[in-house]
């Protein structure tokens, strides 16, 4: 679903499925900061309740603050991870997550553009995202738009974090081939880095895609040949210092908003050794197709 909020609290909804709805409720907010302008009380925080498991939230002419509570109708008891990604034009606001009534800052004023943030939401309270707009210092209320994408995921989708920088141990690797959103065997073609987004992008030429949740890897047939191959990109954090490497790898990880994020990535021959040893001892977490 797409939710667009205006100063008059006009809402445009585009539903992707049936039985999805949005509810609004104003909340008192004790603050002296300016709001939408004279037409809207600056103490009011707009509360939005979303029934969609994924979608867009766009805030036009942002005023004081908005609190977005995620209440999906479908399989909500199985969705324990929330991921959000700020819009490219996100400026002049801070994003918080709410845990048990306490706000935790995720991002402020677009300092980490295009980065995906994920957090656990398996407590007794519904997950909530809180946007607080920065006051306009020039006194003019020109058109501004800020927003974010969100998705609720199950346990199988891990959040990209610094923990994914270290090599996986054998137990984590055996779990990764069972629970990852994608499992791909292939080669590293190129690695590029972006200091703006604080991410690295790994270009992969894959010989086999075992599975993927979305279409991050596409099948291609080069001109003049009938031999197809898979091509795709995998994101990771810049702090992981990923570099190109020779040889064949087994790439696993999570997918967020159609993008693949790196999890475990051992060399394929090392994975085979770990998996065959575990299978011989009946300690493998699941059956994996071997060539």
C-alpha atoms as a PDB file:
ATOM      1  CA  UNK A   1       0.000   0.000   0.000  1.00  0.00           C
ATOM      2  CA  UNK A   2       0.980   3.629  -0.520  1.00  0.00           C
ATOM      3  CA  UNK A   3       0.030   6.225   2.075  1.00  0.00           C
ATOM      4  CA  UNK A   4       0.465   9.925   1.337  1.00  0.00           C
ATOM      5  CA  UNK A   5      -0.188  12.404   4.130  1.00  0.00           C
ATOM      6  CA  UNK A   6      -0.898  16.096   3.526  1.00  0.00           C
ATOM      7  CA  UNK A   7      -1.331  18.998   5.971  1.00  0.00           C
ATOM      8  CA  UNK A   8      -5.116  18.671   5.739  1.00  0.00           C
ATOM      9  CA  UNK A   9      -4.666  14.979   6.578  1.00  0.00           C
ATOM     10  CA  UNK A  10      -5.911  13.999   3.130  1.00  0.00           C
ATOM     11  CA  UNK A  11      -4.920  10.417   2.492  1.00  0.00           C
ATOM     12  CA  UNK A  12      -4.530   8.617  -0.833  1.00  0.00           C
ATOM     13  CA  UNK A  13      -4.504   4.842  -0.560  1.00  0.00           C
ATOM     14  CA  UNK A  14      -3.509   2.322  -3.196  1.00  0.00           C
ATOM     15  CA  UNK A  15      -4.089  -1.228  -2.003  1.00  0.00           C
ATOM     16  CA  UNK A  16      -2.098  -4.216  -3.235  1.00  0.00           C
ATOM     17  CA  UNK A  17      -4.471  -6.752  -1.721  1.00  0.00           C
ATOM     18  CA  UNK A  18      -7.887  -7.022  -0.124  1.00  0.00           C
ATOM     19  CA  UNK A  19      -8.631  -6.593   3.585  1.00  0.00           C
ATOM     20  CA  UNK A  20      -6.018  -3.925   4.133  1.00  0.00           C
ATOM     21  CA  UNK A  21      -6.918  -0.662   5.827  1.00  0.00           C
ATOM     22  CA  UNK A  22      -5.426   2.447   7.402  1.00  0.00           C
ATOM     23  CA  UNK A  23      -6.630   4.179  10.563  1.00  0.00           C
ATOM     24  CA  UNK A  24      -5.702   7.634  11.830  1.00  0.00           C
ATOM     25  CA  UNK A  25      -5.724   9.006  15.342  1.00  0.00           C
ATOM     26  CA  UNK A  26      -4.296  12.298  16.617  1.00  0.00           C
ATOM     27  CA  UNK A  27      -2.049  12.206  19.680  1.00  0.00           C
ATOM     28  CA  UNK A  28      -1.150  15.071  21.995  1.00  0.00           C
ATOM     29  CA  UNK A  29       2.532  15.952  21.839  1.00  0.00           C
ATOM     30  CA  UNK A  30       3.871  18.478  24.390  1.00  0.00           C
ATOM     31  CA  UNK A  31       6.338  20.465  22.330  1.00  0.00           C
ATOM     32  CA  UNK A  32       6.927  24.093  21.426  1.00  0.00           C
ATOM     33  CA  UNK A  33       8.223  23.337  17.924  1.00  0.00           C
ATOM     34  CA  UNK A  34       6.264  24.656  14.947  1.00  0.00           C
ATOM     35  CA  UNK A  35       3.868  22.344  13.117  1.00  0.00           C
ATOM     36  CA  UNK A  36       2.165  22.298   9.717  1.00  0.00           C
ATOM     37  CA  UNK A  37       1.653  26.092   9.965  1.00  0.00           C
ATOM     38  CA  UNK A  38      -1.211  27.943  11.598  1.00  0.00           C
ATOM     39  CA  UNK A  39      -3.788  25.473  10.288  1.00  0.00           C
ATOM     40  CA  UNK A  40      -2.549  22.570  12.401  1.00  0.00           C
ATOM     41  CA  UNK A  41      -1.852  22.427  16.140  1.00  0.00           C
ATOM     42  CA  UNK A  42       1.883  21.871  16.675  1.00  0.00           C
ATOM     43  CA  UNK A  43       1.168  19.648  19.680  1.00  0.00           C
ATOM     44  CA  UNK A  44      -0.563  17.047  17.525  1.00  0.00           C
ATOM     45  CA  UNK A  45       1.221  13.913  16.443  1.00  0.00           C
ATOM     46  CA  UNK A  46      -0.525  12.114  13.593  1.00  0.00           C
ATOM     47  CA  UNK A  47      -0.879   8.408  14.336  1.00  0.00           C
ATOM     48  CA  UNK A  48      -1.250   6.019  11.389  1.00  0.00           C
ATOM     49  CA  UNK A  49      -2.110   2.337  11.679  1.00  0.00           C
ATOM     50  CA  UNK A  50      -1.167   0.263   8.641  1.00  0.00           C
ATOM     51  CA  UNK A  51      -2.639  -3.155   7.835  1.00  0.00           C
ATOM     52  CA  UNK A  52      -0.231  -3.840   4.961  1.00  0.00           C
ATOM     53  CA  UNK A  53       2.748  -6.129   5.467  1.00  0.00           C
ATOM     54  CA  UNK A  54       4.806  -3.870   3.176  1.00  0.00           C
ATOM     55  CA  UNK A  55       4.460  -0.518   1.470  1.00  0.00           C
ATOM     56  CA  UNK A  56       5.360   3.180   1.225  1.00  0.00           C
ATOM     57  CA  UNK A  57       4.723   6.046   3.640  1.00  0.00           C
ATOM     58  CA  UNK A  58       5.073   9.563   2.177  1.00  0.00           C
ATOM     59  CA  UNK A  59       4.663  12.723   4.226  1.00  0.00           C
ATOM     60  CA  UNK A  60       4.050  15.917   2.250  1.00  0.00           C
ATOM     61  CA  UNK A  61       4.613  19.283   3.976  1.00  0.00           C
ATOM     62  CA  UNK A  62       5.832  17.477   7.119  1.00  0.00           C
ATOM     63  CA  UNK A  63       4.902  19.177  10.360  1.00  0.00           C
ATOM     64  CA  UNK A  64       5.620  18.087  13.898  1.00  0.00           C
ATOM     65  CA  UNK A  65       5.670  14.278  13.944  1.00  0.00           C
ATOM     66  CA  UNK A  66       3.941  11.112  12.797  1.00  0.00           C
ATOM     67  CA  UNK A  67       3.788   7.722  14.509  1.00  0.00           C
ATOM     68  CA  UNK A  68       3.292   4.717  12.209  1.00  0.00           C
ATOM     69  CA  UNK A  69       2.031   1.546  13.880  1.00  0.00           C
ATOM     70  CA  UNK A  70       2.302  -1.651  11.822  1.00  0.00           C
ATOM     71  CA  UNK A  71      -0.655  -3.999  12.278  1.00  0.00           C
ATOM     72  CA  UNK A  72      -0.760  -6.382   9.301  1.00  0.00           C
ATOM     73  CA  UNK A  73      -3.771  -8.667   8.986  1.00  0.00           C
ATOM     74  CA  UNK A  74      -1.959 -11.602   7.416  1.00  0.00           C
ATOM     75  CA  UNK A  75       0.372 -13.891   9.385  1.00  0.00           C
ATOM     76  CA  UNK A  76       1.280 -11.125  11.809  1.00  0.00           C
ATOM     77  CA  UNK A  77       2.291 -13.664  14.417  1.00  0.00           C
ATOM     78  CA  UNK A  78       4.998 -14.977  12.078  1.00  0.00           C
ATOM     79  CA  UNK A  79       6.489 -11.607  11.132  1.00  0.00           C
ATOM     80  CA  UNK A  80       9.070 -10.692  13.746  1.00  0.00           C
ATOM     81  CA  UNK A  81      11.474  -8.431  11.809  1.00  0.00           C
ATOM     82  CA  UNK A  82      10.731  -4.939  10.500  1.00  0.00           C
ATOM     83  CA  UNK A  83      12.950  -3.347   7.836  1.00  0.00           C
ATOM     84  CA  UNK A  84      12.726   0.255   6.672  1.00  0.00           C
ATOM     85  CA  UNK A  85      14.532   2.210   3.976  1.00  0.00           C
ATOM     86  CA  UNK A  86      14.341   5.995   3.808  1.00  0.00           C
ATOM     87  CA  UNK A  87      13.423   7.657   0.519  1.00  0.00           C
ATOM     88  CA  UNK A  88      16.346   9.125  -1.512  1.00  0.00           C
ATOM     89  CA  UNK A  89      15.029  12.647  -0.816  1.00  0.00           C
ATOM     90  CA  UNK A  90      14.776  12.086   2.926  1.00  0.00           C
ATOM     91  CA  UNK A  91      15.953  15.311   4.565  1.00  0.00           C
ATOM     92  CA  UNK A  92      14.948  17.430   7.523  1.00  0.00           C
ATOM     93  CA  UNK A  93      13.691  14.718   9.855  1.00  0.00           C
ATOM     94  CA  UNK A  94      14.720  11.975  12.239  1.00  0.00           C
ATOM     95  CA  UNK A  95      13.532   8.370  12.238  1.00  0.00           C
ATOM     96  CA  UNK A  96      12.991   6.463  15.478  1.00  0.00           C
ATOM     97  CA  UNK A  97      11.771   2.999  16.313  1.00  0.00           C
ATOM     98  CA  UNK A  98       9.593   2.494  19.350  1.00  0.00           C
ATOM     99  CA  UNK A  99      10.242  -0.390  21.728  1.00  0.00           C
ATOM    100  CA  UNK A 100       8.019  -0.693  24.810  1.00  0.00           C
ATOM    101  CA  UNK A 101       7.303   3.027  24.734  1.00  0.00           C
ATOM    102  CA  UNK A 102      10.974   4.033  24.384  1.00  0.00           C
ATOM    103  CA  UNK A 103      12.244   5.749  21.208  1.00  0.00           C
ATOM    104  CA  UNK A 104      15.558   4.670  19.668  1.00  0.00           C
ATOM    105  CA  UNK A 105      17.138   6.869  16.984  1.00  0.00           C
ATOM    106  CA  UNK A 106      17.828   5.138  13.656  1.00  0.00           C
ATOM    107  CA  UNK A 107      18.661   7.989  11.314  1.00  0.00           C
ATOM    108  CA  UNK A 108      18.711  11.767  11.360  1.00  0.00           C
ATOM    109  CA  UNK A 109      18.503  14.169   8.416  1.00  0.00           C
ATOM    110  CA  UNK A 110      19.400  11.572   5.786  1.00  0.00           C
ATOM    111  CA  UNK A 111      22.919  11.004   7.098  1.00  0.00           C
ATOM    112  CA  UNK A 112      22.940   7.404   5.796  1.00  0.00           C
ATOM    113  CA  UNK A 113      20.910   7.518   2.560  1.00  0.00           C
ATOM    114  CA  UNK A 114      19.613   4.318   0.982  1.00  0.00           C
ATOM    115  CA  UNK A 115      20.720   2.140   3.904  1.00  0.00           C
ATOM    116  CA  UNK A 116      18.326  -0.543   5.128  1.00  0.00           C
ATOM    117  CA  UNK A 117      17.563  -0.635   8.855  1.00  0.00           C
ATOM    118  CA  UNK A 118      16.031  -3.718  10.447  1.00  0.00           C
ATOM    119  CA  UNK A 119      14.920  -4.388  14.000  1.00  0.00           C
ATOM    120  CA  UNK A 120      13.258  -7.174  15.934  1.00  0.00           C
ATOM    121  CA  UNK A 121       9.546  -6.798  16.675  1.00  0.00           C
ATOM    122  CA  UNK A 122       8.680  -9.957  18.583  1.00  0.00           C
ATOM    123  CA  UNK A 123       7.695  -8.317  21.878  1.00  0.00           C
ATOM    124  CA  UNK A 124       4.184  -7.802  23.278  1.00  0.00           C
ATOM    125  CA  UNK A 125       3.748  -4.412  21.550  1.00  0.00           C
ATOM    126  CA  UNK A 126       3.044  -3.678  17.903  1.00  0.00           C
ATOM    127  CA  UNK A 127       6.095  -2.332  16.031  1.00  0.00           C
ATOM    128  CA  UNK A 128       6.012   1.438  15.556  1.00  0.00           C
ATOM    129  CA  UNK A 129       8.091   3.874  13.515  1.00  0.00           C
ATOM    130  CA  UNK A 130       8.260   7.515  14.562  1.00  0.00           C
ATOM    131  CA  UNK A 131       9.172  10.427  12.252  1.00  0.00           C
ATOM    132  CA  UNK A 132       9.958  13.823  13.739  1.00  0.00           C
ATOM    133  CA  UNK A 133      10.315  16.745  11.335  1.00  0.00           C
ATOM    134  CA  UNK A 134      12.985  19.383  11.874  1.00  0.00           C
ATOM    135  CA  UNK A 135      11.553  22.900  12.275  1.00  0.00           C
ATOM    136  CA  UNK A 136      11.751  25.233   9.276  1.00  0.00           C
ATOM    137  CA  UNK A 137      14.213  27.997  10.118  1.00  0.00           C
ATOM    138  CA  UNK A 138      13.373  30.335   7.232  1.00  0.00           C
ATOM    139  CA  UNK A 139       9.685  30.644   8.063  1.00  0.00           C
ATOM    140  CA  UNK A 140       8.598  29.399   4.624  1.00  0.00           C
ATOM    141  CA  UNK A 141       6.547  26.249   4.138  1.00  0.00           C
ATOM    142  CA  UNK A 142       7.579  25.161   0.676  1.00  0.00           C
ATOM    143  CA  UNK A 143       6.656  21.710  -0.553  1.00  0.00           C
ATOM    144  CA  UNK A 144       8.770  19.050   1.115  1.00  0.00           C
ATOM    145  CA  UNK A 145       8.306  15.315   0.932  1.00  0.00           C
ATOM    146  CA  UNK A 146       9.845  12.697   3.152  1.00  0.00           C
ATOM    147  CA  UNK A 147       9.049   9.068   3.644  1.00  0.00           C
ATOM    148  CA  UNK A 148      10.229   5.508   3.775  1.00  0.00           C
ATOM    149  CA  UNK A 149       9.521   1.990   2.582  1.00  0.00           C
ATOM    150  CA  UNK A 150       8.842  -0.754   5.081  1.00  0.00           C
ATOM    151  CA  UNK A 151       8.371  -4.503   5.157  1.00  0.00           C
ATOM    152  CA  UNK A 152       7.546  -7.050   7.847  1.00  0.00           C
ATOM    153  CA  UNK A 153       9.464 -10.292   7.568  1.00  0.00           C
ATOM    154  CA  UNK A 154       9.679 -13.655   9.246  1.00  0.00           C
ATOM    155  CA  UNK A 155      12.552 -15.200  11.163  1.00  0.00           C
ATOM    156  CA  UNK A 156      14.269 -16.415   7.970  1.00  0.00           C
ATOM    157  CA  UNK A 157      15.256 -12.880   6.936  1.00  0.00           C
ATOM    158  CA  UNK A 158      18.143 -11.495   8.941  1.00  0.00           C
ATOM    159  CA  UNK A 159      18.985  -7.826   9.151  1.00  0.00           C
ATOM    160  CA  UNK A 160      22.180  -6.529   7.550  1.00  0.00           C
ATOM    161  CA  UNK A 161      24.539  -5.657  10.395  1.00  0.00           C
ATOM    162  CA  UNK A 162      28.174  -5.581  11.384  1.00  0.00           C
ATOM    163  CA  UNK A 163      27.745  -9.159  12.622  1.00  0.00           C
ATOM    164  CA  UNK A 164      27.564 -10.242   8.978  1.00  0.00           C
ATOM    165  CA  UNK A 165      31.120  -8.961   8.405  1.00  0.00           C
ATOM    166  CA  UNK A 166      32.800 -11.839  10.220  1.00  0.00           C
ATOM    167  CA  UNK A 167      33.088 -15.263   8.567  1.00  0.00           C
ATOM    168  CA  UNK A 168      30.318 -17.688   9.476  1.00  0.00           C
ATOM    169  CA  UNK A 169      31.173 -20.699  11.583  1.00  0.00           C
ATOM    170  CA  UNK A 170      30.076 -24.185  10.516  1.00  0.00           C
ATOM    171  CA  UNK A 171      26.801 -24.075  12.465  1.00  0.00           C
ATOM    172  CA  UNK A 172      25.837 -20.676  11.038  1.00  0.00           C
ATOM    173  CA  UNK A 173      26.688 -21.840   7.519  1.00  0.00           C
ATOM    174  CA  UNK A 174      24.534 -24.956   7.820  1.00  0.00           C
ATOM    175  CA  UNK A 175      21.636 -22.804   9.028  1.00  0.00           C
ATOM    176  CA  UNK A 176      22.205 -20.187   6.304  1.00  0.00           C
ATOM    177  CA  UNK A 177      21.654 -22.644   3.449  1.00  0.00           C
ATOM    178  CA  UNK A 178      18.283 -23.522   4.998  1.00  0.00           C
ATOM    179  CA  UNK A 179      16.982 -20.122   6.118  1.00  0.00           C
ATOM    180  CA  UNK A 180      18.431 -17.566   3.696  1.00  0.00           C
ATOM    181  CA  UNK A 181      16.302 -15.640   1.227  1.00  0.00           C
ATOM    182  CA  UNK A 182      18.778 -16.501  -1.526  1.00  0.00           C
ATOM    183  CA  UNK A 183      21.433 -19.165  -2.053  1.00  0.00           C
ATOM    184  CA  UNK A 184      23.613 -18.706  -5.144  1.00  0.00           C
ATOM    185  CA  UNK A 185      26.821 -20.319  -6.412  1.00  0.00           C
ATOM    186  CA  UNK A 186      29.093 -18.184  -8.548  1.00  0.00           C
ATOM    187  CA  UNK A 187      32.036 -15.849  -8.971  1.00  0.00           C
ATOM    188  CA  UNK A 188      32.817 -12.278  -7.959  1.00  0.00           C
ATOM    189  CA  UNK A 189      33.150 -10.039 -11.024  1.00  0.00           C
ATOM    190  CA  UNK A 190      33.633  -6.682  -9.323  1.00  0.00           C
ATOM    191  CA  UNK A 191      33.273  -4.907  -5.983  1.00  0.00           C
ATOM    192  CA  UNK A 192      32.409  -1.204  -5.806  1.00  0.00           C
ATOM    193  CA  UNK A 193      32.196   1.008  -2.720  1.00  0.00           C
ATOM    194  CA  UNK A 194      30.045   4.016  -1.830  1.00  0.00           C
ATOM    195  CA  UNK A 195      31.048   6.310   1.022  1.00  0.00           C
ATOM    196  CA  UNK A 196      27.728   8.177   0.709  1.00  0.00           C
ATOM    197  CA  UNK A 197      25.550   5.147   1.449  1.00  0.00           C
ATOM    198  CA  UNK A 198      28.235   3.402   3.527  1.00  0.00           C
ATOM    199  CA  UNK A 199      27.702   0.217   1.509  1.00  0.00           C
ATOM    200  CA  UNK A 200      29.622  -2.000  -0.896  1.00  0.00           C
ATOM    201  CA  UNK A 201      28.146  -3.651  -3.985  1.00  0.00           C
ATOM    202  CA  UNK A 202      29.348  -7.091  -5.082  1.00  0.00           C
ATOM    203  CA  UNK A 203      28.675  -7.941  -8.734  1.00  0.00           C
ATOM    204  CA  UNK A 204      28.171 -11.704  -9.094  1.00  0.00           C
ATOM    205  CA  UNK A 205      28.179 -13.985 -12.119  1.00  0.00           C
ATOM    206  CA  UNK A 206      26.299 -17.060 -10.927  1.00  0.00           C
ATOM    207  CA  UNK A 207      26.393 -20.543 -12.382  1.00  0.00           C
ATOM    208  CA  UNK A 208      23.441 -21.700 -10.290  1.00  0.00           C
ATOM    209  CA  UNK A 209      20.658 -20.058  -8.304  1.00  0.00           C
ATOM    210  CA  UNK A 210      19.336 -22.607  -5.814  1.00  0.00           C
ATOM    211  CA  UNK A 211      16.581 -20.238  -4.701  1.00  0.00           C
ATOM    212  CA  UNK A 212      15.777 -16.576  -4.212  1.00  0.00           C
ATOM    213  CA  UNK A 213      12.803 -14.785  -2.690  1.00  0.00           C
ATOM    214  CA  UNK A 214      12.626 -12.034  -5.312  1.00  0.00           C
ATOM    215  CA  UNK A 215      14.333 -11.332  -8.628  1.00  0.00           C
ATOM    216  CA  UNK A 216      17.677  -9.984  -7.438  1.00  0.00           C
ATOM    217  CA  UNK A 217      19.423 -12.436  -9.802  1.00  0.00           C
ATOM    218  CA  UNK A 218      18.364 -12.475 -13.443  1.00  0.00           C
ATOM    219  CA  UNK A 219      19.022 -15.114 -16.061  1.00  0.00           C
ATOM    220  CA  UNK A 220      20.863 -13.855 -19.137  1.00  0.00           C
ATOM    221  CA  UNK A 221      21.993 -15.345 -22.438  1.00  0.00           C
ATOM    222  CA  UNK A 222      25.033 -13.590 -23.937  1.00  0.00           C
ATOM    223  CA  UNK A 223      24.946 -12.749 -27.638  1.00  0.00           C
ATOM    224  CA  UNK A 224      26.438 -15.438 -29.851  1.00  0.00           C
ATOM    225  CA  UNK A 225      26.032 -18.247 -27.315  1.00  0.00           C
ATOM    226  CA  UNK A 226      23.273 -20.493 -26.049  1.00  0.00           C
ATOM    227  CA  UNK A 227      24.809 -20.948 -22.608  1.00  0.00           C
ATOM    228  CA  UNK A 228      22.770 -18.933 -20.045  1.00  0.00           C
ATOM    229  CA  UNK A 229      24.119 -17.587 -16.778  1.00  0.00           C
ATOM    230  CA  UNK A 230      22.771 -15.653 -13.816  1.00  0.00           C
ATOM    231  CA  UNK A 231      23.791 -12.107 -12.988  1.00  0.00           C
ATOM    232  CA  UNK A 232      23.095 -10.036  -9.911  1.00  0.00           C
ATOM    233  CA  UNK A 233      24.377  -7.703  -7.224  1.00  0.00           C
ATOM    234  CA  UNK A 234      24.733  -8.255  -3.483  1.00  0.00           C
ATOM    235  CA  UNK A 235      24.894  -5.408  -0.981  1.00  0.00           C
ATOM    236  CA  UNK A 236      26.936  -5.343   2.199  1.00  0.00           C
ATOM    237  CA  UNK A 237      28.164  -2.743   4.666  1.00  0.00           C
ATOM    238  CA  UNK A 238      31.229  -0.692   3.797  1.00  0.00           C
ATOM    239  CA  UNK A 239      32.715  -1.524   7.210  1.00  0.00           C
ATOM    240  CA  UNK A 240      32.977  -5.163   6.125  1.00  0.00           C
ATOM    241  CA  UNK A 241      35.818  -4.220   3.706  1.00  0.00           C
ATOM    242  CA  UNK A 242      34.749  -6.734   1.059  1.00  0.00           C
ATOM    243  CA  UNK A 243      37.327  -7.307  -1.683  1.00  0.00           C
ATOM    244  CA  UNK A 244      37.298  -9.287  -4.945  1.00  0.00           C
ATOM    245  CA  UNK A 245      38.405 -12.901  -4.587  1.00  0.00           C
ATOM    246  CA  UNK A 246      39.237 -15.695  -6.996  1.00  0.00           C
ATOM    247  CA  UNK A 247      37.413 -19.000  -7.123  1.00  0.00           C
ATOM    248  CA  UNK A 248      33.836 -20.153  -6.729  1.00  0.00           C
ATOM    249  CA  UNK A 249      31.719 -19.002  -3.769  1.00  0.00           C
ATOM    250  CA  UNK A 250      28.396 -19.953  -2.235  1.00  0.00           C
ATOM    251  CA  UNK A 251      26.541 -16.704  -1.525  1.00  0.00           C
ATOM    252  CA  UNK A 252      23.711 -16.621   1.012  1.00  0.00           C
ATOM    253  CA  UNK A 253      21.840 -13.765   2.628  1.00  0.00           C
ATOM    254  CA  UNK A 254      18.629 -11.806   3.036  1.00  0.00           C
ATOM    255  CA  UNK A 255      16.555  -9.762   0.599  1.00  0.00           C
ATOM    256  CA  UNK A 256      15.111  -6.367   1.429  1.00  0.00           C
ATOM    257  CA  UNK A 257      13.046  -4.262  -0.999  1.00  0.00           C
ATOM    258  CA  UNK A 258      14.227  -6.396  -3.910  1.00  0.00           C
ATOM    259  CA  UNK A 259      17.904  -6.060  -2.973  1.00  0.00           C
ATOM    260  CA  UNK A 260      20.162  -8.923  -1.910  1.00  0.00           C
ATOM    261  CA  UNK A 261      22.228  -8.426   1.280  1.00  0.00           C
ATOM    262  CA  UNK A 262      25.215 -10.614   2.022  1.00  0.00           C
ATOM    263  CA  UNK A 263      25.183 -13.212   4.779  1.00  0.00           C
ATOM    264  CA  UNK A 264      27.510 -16.219   4.713  1.00  0.00           C
ATOM    265  CA  UNK A 265      29.763 -16.486   1.643  1.00  0.00           C
ATOM    266  CA  UNK A 266      32.249 -19.358   1.923  1.00  0.00           C
ATOM    267  CA  UNK A 267      34.229 -20.748  -0.961  1.00  0.00           C
ATOM    268  CA  UNK A 268      32.160 -23.505  -2.504  1.00  0.00           C
ATOM    269  CA  UNK A 269      34.760 -26.213  -1.879  1.00  0.00           C
ATOM    270  CA  UNK A 270      34.877 -25.258   1.815  1.00  0.00           C
ATOM    271  CA  UNK A 271      31.084 -25.424   2.021  1.00  0.00           C
ATOM    272  CA  UNK A 272      31.082 -28.882   0.445  1.00  0.00           C
ATOM    273  CA  UNK A 273      33.515 -30.130   3.067  1.00  0.00           C
ATOM    274  CA  UNK A 274      31.417 -28.731   5.945  1.00  0.00           C
ATOM    275  CA  UNK A 275      28.120 -29.997   4.539  1.00  0.00           C
ATOM    276  CA  UNK A 276      29.333 -33.503   3.682  1.00  0.00           C
ATOM    277  CA  UNK A 277      30.869 -33.915   7.133  1.00  0.00           C
ATOM    278  CA  UNK A 278      27.646 -32.765   8.809  1.00  0.00           C
ATOM    279  CA  UNK A 279      25.491 -35.003   6.624  1.00  0.00           C
ATOM    280  CA  UNK A 280      27.661 -38.044   7.387  1.00  0.00           C
ATOM    281  CA  UNK A 281      27.172 -37.335  11.095  1.00  0.00           C
ATOM    282  CA  UNK A 282      23.437 -36.601  10.567  1.00  0.00           C
ATOM    283  CA  UNK A 283      23.937 -33.069  11.860  1.00  0.00           C
ATOM    284  CA  UNK A 284      22.823 -31.134   8.773  1.00  0.00           C
ATOM    285  CA  UNK A 285      19.894 -28.779   9.383  1.00  0.00           C
ATOM    286  CA  UNK A 286      18.319 -29.501   6.001  1.00  0.00           C
ATOM    287  CA  UNK A 287      19.028 -31.356   2.773  1.00  0.00           C
ATOM    288  CA  UNK A 288      20.897 -29.284   0.202  1.00  0.00           C
ATOM    289  CA  UNK A 289      21.062 -30.245  -3.494  1.00  0.00           C
ATOM    290  CA  UNK A 290      24.604 -31.146  -4.503  1.00  0.00           C
ATOM    291  CA  UNK A 291      25.730 -31.348  -8.124  1.00  0.00           C
END
